[in-house]
Amino acid sequence: MTPTDLVRECREAMRRGADFPTLWHSIIKRHPAVKGVPVQRLDGDRPYVEVPLIRGDWLVIDNDARTVRLR
């Protein structure tokens, strides 16, 4: 499974109503591309979560906007 597969799986789960804690426990935490724990960040007043991946990029989850992407 690639990071792109991880993004796809997370997006599908969010469309079905999953929030970040659910994504973390059911999908992200067990994925082989994940390197570490989530880091909460702010963009102005908007919170989002980043999860480091083994190849050096980050999985970015904005629960309010219901988006998941790679950075």
C-alpha atoms as a PDB file:
ATOM      1  CA  MET A   1       0.000   0.000   0.000  1.00  0.00           C
ATOM      2  CA  THR A   2       1.343   3.382  -1.010  1.00  0.00           C
ATOM      3  CA  PRO A   3       0.785   6.809   0.573  1.00  0.00           C
ATOM      4  CA  THR A   4      -1.592   7.542  -2.312  1.00  0.00           C
ATOM      5  CA  ASP A   5      -3.606   4.467  -1.328  1.00  0.00           C
ATOM      6  CA  LEU A   6      -3.658   5.771   2.247  1.00  0.00           C
ATOM      7  CA  VAL A   7      -5.059   9.128   1.096  1.00  0.00           C
ATOM      8  CA  ARG A   8      -7.713   7.393  -0.990  1.00  0.00           C
ATOM      9  CA  GLU A   9      -8.758   5.144   1.892  1.00  0.00           C
ATOM     10  CA  CYS A  10      -8.946   8.098   4.306  1.00  0.00           C
ATOM     11  CA  ARG A  11     -10.998  10.185   1.857  1.00  0.00           C
ATOM     12  CA  GLU A  12     -13.461   7.332   1.400  1.00  0.00           C
ATOM     13  CA  ALA A  13     -13.815   6.930   5.171  1.00  0.00           C
ATOM     14  CA  MET A  14     -14.344  10.692   5.624  1.00  0.00           C
ATOM     15  CA  ARG A  15     -17.073  10.626   2.976  1.00  0.00           C
ATOM     16  CA  ARG A  16     -18.778   7.963   5.081  1.00  0.00           C
ATOM     17  CA  GLY A  17     -18.551  10.239   8.136  1.00  0.00           C
ATOM     18  CA  ALA A  18     -15.313   9.236   9.883  1.00  0.00           C
ATOM     19  CA  ASP A  19     -13.543  11.854  11.990  1.00  0.00           C
ATOM     20  CA  PHE A  20      -9.794  12.024  12.657  1.00  0.00           C
ATOM     21  CA  PRO A  21      -9.731   9.782  15.754  1.00  0.00           C
ATOM     22  CA  THR A  22     -11.570   7.109  13.785  1.00  0.00           C
ATOM     23  CA  LEU A  23      -9.200   7.499  10.818  1.00  0.00           C
ATOM     24  CA  TRP A  24      -6.185   7.262  13.119  1.00  0.00           C
ATOM     25  CA  HIS A  25      -7.275   4.101  14.912  1.00  0.00           C
ATOM     26  CA  SER A  26      -8.822   2.233  11.985  1.00  0.00           C
ATOM     27  CA  ILE A  27      -6.678   3.231   8.975  1.00  0.00           C
ATOM     28  CA  ILE A  28      -3.662   5.489   9.516  1.00  0.00           C
ATOM     29  CA  LYS A  29      -1.958   3.977  12.584  1.00  0.00           C
ATOM     30  CA  ARG A  30      -1.650   0.493  11.019  1.00  0.00           C
ATOM     31  CA  HIS A  31      -0.497   1.670   7.566  1.00  0.00           C
ATOM     32  CA  PRO A  32       3.111   0.665   6.730  1.00  0.00           C
ATOM     33  CA  ALA A  33       3.941   4.111   5.270  1.00  0.00           C
ATOM     34  CA  VAL A  34       3.294   5.898   8.592  1.00  0.00           C
ATOM     35  CA  LYS A  35       6.440   6.912  10.455  1.00  0.00           C
ATOM     36  CA  GLY A  36       5.157   8.587  13.607  1.00  0.00           C
ATOM     37  CA  VAL A  37       2.360  10.107  15.627  1.00  0.00           C
ATOM     38  CA  PRO A  38      -0.003  12.893  14.569  1.00  0.00           C
ATOM     39  CA  VAL A  39       1.041  16.510  15.063  1.00  0.00           C
ATOM     40  CA  GLN A  40      -1.655  19.149  15.501  1.00  0.00           C
ATOM     41  CA  ARG A  41      -0.974  22.459  13.743  1.00  0.00           C
ATOM     42  CA  LEU A  42      -2.713  25.768  13.112  1.00  0.00           C
ATOM     43  CA  ASP A  43      -3.097  27.713   9.871  1.00  0.00           C
ATOM     44  CA  GLY A  44      -4.272  31.048  11.213  1.00  0.00           C
ATOM     45  CA  ASP A  45      -7.177  29.943  13.382  1.00  0.00           C
ATOM     46  CA  ARG A  46      -7.833  26.699  11.480  1.00  0.00           C
ATOM     47  CA  PRO A  47      -6.537  23.499  13.137  1.00  0.00           C
ATOM     48  CA  TYR A  48      -5.327  20.536  11.107  1.00  0.00           C
ATOM     49  CA  VAL A  49      -3.333  17.381  11.748  1.00  0.00           C
ATOM     50  CA  GLU A  50      -0.186  16.130  10.018  1.00  0.00           C
ATOM     51  CA  VAL A  51       1.138  12.587  10.210  1.00  0.00           C
ATOM     52  CA  PRO A  52       4.762  11.929   9.140  1.00  0.00           C
ATOM     53  CA  LEU A  53       5.325   9.272   6.501  1.00  0.00           C
ATOM     54  CA  ILE A  54       8.391   7.100   5.963  1.00  0.00           C
ATOM     55  CA  ARG A  55       9.359   8.597   2.606  1.00  0.00           C
ATOM     56  CA  GLY A  56       9.540  12.107   4.126  1.00  0.00           C
ATOM     57  CA  ASP A  57       6.201  13.599   3.171  1.00  0.00           C
ATOM     58  CA  TRP A  58       3.213  14.228   5.440  1.00  0.00           C
ATOM     59  CA  LEU A  59      -0.390  13.129   5.459  1.00  0.00           C
ATOM     60  CA  VAL A  60      -2.443  16.295   6.103  1.00  0.00           C
ATOM     61  CA  ILE A  61      -5.955  15.969   7.523  1.00  0.00           C
ATOM     62  CA  ASP A  62      -8.289  18.940   7.906  1.00  0.00           C
ATOM     63  CA  ASN A  63     -11.261  17.556   9.804  1.00  0.00           C
ATOM     64  CA  ASP A  64     -13.273  20.794   9.498  1.00  0.00           C
ATOM     65  CA  ALA A  65     -12.867  20.994   5.714  1.00  0.00           C
ATOM     66  CA  ARG A  66     -13.155  17.167   5.445  1.00  0.00           C
ATOM     67  CA  THR A  67      -9.956  16.954   3.345  1.00  0.00           C
ATOM     68  CA  VAL A  68      -6.967  14.613   3.244  1.00  0.00           C
ATOM     69  CA  ARG A  69      -3.855  15.226   1.143  1.00  0.00           C
ATOM     70  CA  LEU A  70      -0.126  14.623   0.935  1.00  0.00           C
ATOM     71  CA  ARG A  71       2.388  17.414   1.569  1.00  0.00           C
END
